Amino acid sequence: MHGKSVGFASQNSRFRNAKAQLSFFDKIIFTKQKKNLISDNTI
């Protein structure tokens, strides 16, 4: 039982890290799209 909970905790932290990286990439993509939209509108 104890080993299971430890494995779950490490899995959870890994999942949280993946989520943080995903949101980070989302921000980069979002800002890129925003810049593209603004440049498209000015043309």
PDB file of N, CA and C in Angstrom:
ATOM      1  N   MET A   1       0.843  -1.206   0.000  1.00  0.00           N
ATOM      2  CA  MET A   1       0.000   0.000   0.000  1.00  0.00           C
ATOM      3  C   MET A   1       0.879   1.258   0.000  1.00  0.00           C
ATOM      4  N   HIS A   2       1.907   1.245   0.849  1.00  0.00           N
ATOM      5  CA  HIS A   2       2.752   2.440   0.951  1.00  0.00           C
ATOM      6  C   HIS A   2       3.487   2.691  -0.361  1.00  0.00           C
ATOM      7  N   GLY A   3       4.033   1.630  -0.950  1.00  0.00           N
ATOM      8  CA  GLY A   3       4.745   1.780  -2.221  1.00  0.00           C
ATOM      9  C   GLY A   3       3.832   2.330  -3.298  1.00  0.00           C
ATOM     10  N   LYS A   4       2.566   1.899  -3.260  1.00  0.00           N
ATOM     11  CA  LYS A   4       1.606   2.378  -4.262  1.00  0.00           C
ATOM     12  C   LYS A   4       1.419   3.886  -4.137  1.00  0.00           C
ATOM     13  N   SER A   5       1.234   4.369  -2.908  1.00  0.00           N
ATOM     14  CA  SER A   5       0.988   5.804  -2.712  1.00  0.00           C
ATOM     15  C   SER A   5       2.207   6.617  -3.156  1.00  0.00           C
ATOM     16  N   VAL A   6       3.392   6.098  -2.908  1.00  0.00           N
ATOM     17  CA  VAL A   6       4.612   6.805  -3.321  1.00  0.00           C
ATOM     18  C   VAL A   6       4.659   6.893  -4.842  1.00  0.00           C
ATOM     19  N   GLY A   7       4.348   5.779  -5.514  1.00  0.00           N
ATOM     20  CA  GLY A   7       4.333   5.776  -6.976  1.00  0.00           C
ATOM     21  C   GLY A   7       3.313   6.762  -7.504  1.00  0.00           C
ATOM     22  N   PHE A   8       2.171   6.825  -6.837  1.00  0.00           N
ATOM     23  CA  PHE A   8       1.123   7.744  -7.273  1.00  0.00           C
ATOM     24  C   PHE A   8       1.577   9.193  -7.108  1.00  0.00           C
ATOM     25  N   ALA A   9       2.294   9.462  -6.019  1.00  0.00           N
ATOM     26  CA  ALA A   9       2.763  10.831  -5.768  1.00  0.00           C
ATOM     27  C   ALA A   9       3.757  11.258  -6.847  1.00  0.00           C
ATOM     28  N   SER A  10       4.695  10.368  -7.183  1.00  0.00           N
ATOM     29  CA  SER A  10       5.683  10.720  -8.218  1.00  0.00           C
ATOM     30  C   SER A  10       4.993  10.883  -9.566  1.00  0.00           C
ATOM     31  N   GLN A  11       3.989  10.037  -9.826  1.00  0.00           N
ATOM     32  CA  GLN A  11       3.241  10.146 -11.078  1.00  0.00           C
ATOM     33  C   GLN A  11       2.518  11.487 -11.121  1.00  0.00           C
ATOM     34  N   ASN A  12       1.952  11.889  -9.985  1.00  0.00           N
ATOM     35  CA  ASN A  12       1.188  13.130  -9.912  1.00  0.00           C
ATOM     36  C   ASN A  12       2.094  14.325 -10.192  1.00  0.00           C
ATOM     37  N   SER A  13       3.297  14.334  -9.604  1.00  0.00           N
ATOM     38  CA  SER A  13       4.219  15.463  -9.821  1.00  0.00           C
ATOM     39  C   SER A  13       4.649  15.510 -11.284  1.00  0.00           C
ATOM     40  N   ARG A  14       4.846  14.324 -11.872  1.00  0.00           N
ATOM     41  CA  ARG A  14       5.240  14.278 -13.285  1.00  0.00           C
ATOM     42  C   ARG A  14       4.113  14.846 -14.140  1.00  0.00           C
ATOM     43  N   PHE A  15       2.892  14.501 -13.774  1.00  0.00           N
ATOM     44  CA  PHE A  15       1.727  14.994 -14.508  1.00  0.00           C
ATOM     45  C   PHE A  15       1.629  16.511 -14.380  1.00  0.00           C
ATOM     46  N   ARG A  16       1.926  17.015 -13.185  1.00  0.00           N
ATOM     47  CA  ARG A  16       1.856  18.465 -12.961  1.00  0.00           C
ATOM     48  C   ARG A  16       2.924  19.163 -13.799  1.00  0.00           C
ATOM     49  N   ASN A  17       4.107  18.576 -13.862  1.00  0.00           N
ATOM     50  CA  ASN A  17       5.187  19.162 -14.669  1.00  0.00           C
ATOM     51  C   ASN A  17       4.790  19.207 -16.133  1.00  0.00           C
ATOM     52  N   ALA A  18       4.173  18.130 -16.608  1.00  0.00           N
ATOM     53  CA  ALA A  18       3.743  18.077 -18.005  1.00  0.00           C
ATOM     54  C   ALA A  18       2.704  19.158 -18.267  1.00  0.00           C
ATOM     55  N   LYS A  19       1.798  19.341 -17.305  1.00  0.00           N
ATOM     56  CA  LYS A  19       0.761  20.366 -17.471  1.00  0.00           C
ATOM     57  C   LYS A  19       1.391  21.754 -17.522  1.00  0.00           C
ATOM     58  N   ALA A  20       2.379  21.985 -16.669  1.00  0.00           N
ATOM     59  CA  ALA A  20       3.050  23.285 -16.647  1.00  0.00           C
ATOM     60  C   ALA A  20       3.747  23.536 -17.984  1.00  0.00           C
ATOM     61  N   GLN A  21       4.408  22.501 -18.508  1.00  0.00           N
ATOM     62  CA  GLN A  21       5.087  22.659 -19.801  1.00  0.00           C
ATOM     63  C   GLN A  21       4.071  22.922 -20.901  1.00  0.00           C
ATOM     64  N   LEU A  22       2.923  22.235 -20.833  1.00  0.00           N
ATOM     65  CA  LEU A  22       1.890  22.413 -21.851  1.00  0.00           C
ATOM     66  C   LEU A  22       1.397  23.851 -21.846  1.00  0.00           C
ATOM     67  N   SER A  23       1.087  24.370 -20.657  1.00  0.00           N
ATOM     68  CA  SER A  23       0.584  25.747 -20.576  1.00  0.00           C
ATOM     69  C   SER A  23       1.650  26.721 -21.068  1.00  0.00           C
ATOM     70  N   PHE A  24       2.916  26.396 -20.811  1.00  0.00           N
ATOM     71  CA  PHE A  24       4.017  27.248 -21.267  1.00  0.00           C
ATOM     72  C   PHE A  24       4.048  27.296 -22.791  1.00  0.00           C
ATOM     73  N   PHE A  25       3.917  26.118 -23.423  1.00  0.00           N
ATOM     74  CA  PHE A  25       3.900  26.068 -24.892  1.00  0.00           C
ATOM     75  C   PHE A  25       2.657  26.764 -25.422  1.00  0.00           C
ATOM     76  N   ASP A  26       1.534  26.588 -24.713  1.00  0.00           N
ATOM     77  CA  ASP A  26       0.289  27.244 -25.130  1.00  0.00           C
ATOM     78  C   ASP A  26       0.485  28.753 -25.160  1.00  0.00           C
ATOM     79  N   LYS A  27       1.178  29.283 -24.158  1.00  0.00           N
ATOM     80  CA  LYS A  27       1.416  30.731 -24.097  1.00  0.00           C
ATOM     81  C   LYS A  27       2.238  31.177 -25.299  1.00  0.00           C
ATOM     82  N   ILE A  28       3.283  30.433 -25.617  1.00  0.00           N
ATOM     83  CA  ILE A  28       4.147  30.794 -26.752  1.00  0.00           C
ATOM     84  C   ILE A  28       3.342  30.773 -28.045  1.00  0.00           C
ATOM     85  N   ILE A  29       2.582  29.697 -28.248  1.00  0.00           N
ATOM     86  CA  ILE A  29       1.782  29.580 -29.474  1.00  0.00           C
ATOM     87  C   ILE A  29       0.746  30.695 -29.522  1.00  0.00           C
ATOM     88  N   PHE A  30       0.130  30.971 -28.377  1.00  0.00           N
ATOM     89  CA  PHE A  30      -0.913  31.997 -28.331  1.00  0.00           C
ATOM     90  C   PHE A  30      -0.345  33.365 -28.688  1.00  0.00           C
ATOM     91  N   THR A  31       0.809  33.702 -28.129  1.00  0.00           N
ATOM     92  CA  THR A  31       1.409  35.011 -28.426  1.00  0.00           C
ATOM     93  C   THR A  31       1.821  35.084 -29.894  1.00  0.00           C
ATOM     94  N   LYS A  32       2.307  33.967 -30.434  1.00  0.00           N
ATOM     95  CA  LYS A  32       2.682  33.949 -31.858  1.00  0.00           C
ATOM     96  C   LYS A  32       1.450  34.198 -32.721  1.00  0.00           C
ATOM     97  N   GLN A  33       0.354  33.522 -32.398  1.00  0.00           N
ATOM     98  CA  GLN A  33      -0.879  33.702 -33.163  1.00  0.00           C
ATOM     99  C   GLN A  33      -1.370  35.136 -33.032  1.00  0.00           C
ATOM    100  N   LYS A  34      -1.260  35.687 -31.832  1.00  0.00           N
ATOM    101  CA  LYS A  34      -1.702  37.065 -31.603  1.00  0.00           C
ATOM    102  C   LYS A  34      -0.904  38.018 -32.491  1.00  0.00           C
ATOM    103  N   LYS A  35       0.405  37.847 -32.529  1.00  0.00           N
ATOM    104  CA  LYS A  35       1.250  38.708 -33.367  1.00  0.00           C
ATOM    105  C   LYS A  35       0.861  38.562 -34.831  1.00  0.00           C
ATOM    106  N   ASN A  36       0.611  37.321 -35.252  1.00  0.00           N
ATOM    107  CA  ASN A  36       0.224  37.079 -36.643  1.00  0.00           C
ATOM    108  C   ASN A  36      -1.098  37.768 -36.945  1.00  0.00           C
ATOM    109  N   LEU A  37      -2.030  37.700 -36.007  1.00  0.00           N
ATOM    110  CA  LEU A  37      -3.336  38.336 -36.212  1.00  0.00           C
ATOM    111  C   LEU A  37      -3.168  39.845 -36.345  1.00  0.00           C
ATOM    112  N   ILE A  38      -2.355  40.428 -35.478  1.00  0.00           N
ATOM    113  CA  ILE A  38      -2.155  41.881 -35.504  1.00  0.00           C
ATOM    114  C   ILE A  38      -1.499  42.297 -36.819  1.00  0.00           C
ATOM    115  N   SER A  39      -0.476  41.562 -37.242  1.00  0.00           N
ATOM    116  CA  SER A  39       0.212  41.908 -38.496  1.00  0.00           C
ATOM    117  C   SER A  39      -0.731  41.720 -39.680  1.00  0.00           C
ATOM    118  N   ASP A  40      -1.591  40.710 -39.616  1.00  0.00           N
ATOM    119  CA  ASP A  40      -2.551  40.490 -40.705  1.00  0.00           C
ATOM    120  C   ASP A  40      -3.531  41.654 -40.791  1.00  0.00           C
ATOM    121  N   ASN A  41      -3.934  42.161 -39.638  1.00  0.00           N
ATOM    122  CA  ASN A  41      -4.909  43.251 -39.623  1.00  0.00           C
ATOM    123  C   ASN A  41      -4.308  44.546 -40.160  1.00  0.00           C
ATOM    124  N   THR A  42      -3.029  44.770 -39.920  1.00  0.00           N
ATOM    125  CA  THR A  42      -2.411  46.018 -40.359  1.00  0.00           C
ATOM    126  C   THR A  42      -2.217  46.031 -41.872  1.00  0.00           C
ATOM    127  N   ILE A  43      -2.056  44.844 -42.453  1.00  0.00           N
ATOM    128  CA  ILE A  43      -1.826  44.793 -43.914  1.00  0.00           C
ATOM    129  C   ILE A  43      -3.119  45.138 -44.647  1.00  0.00           C
TER     130      ILE A  43
END
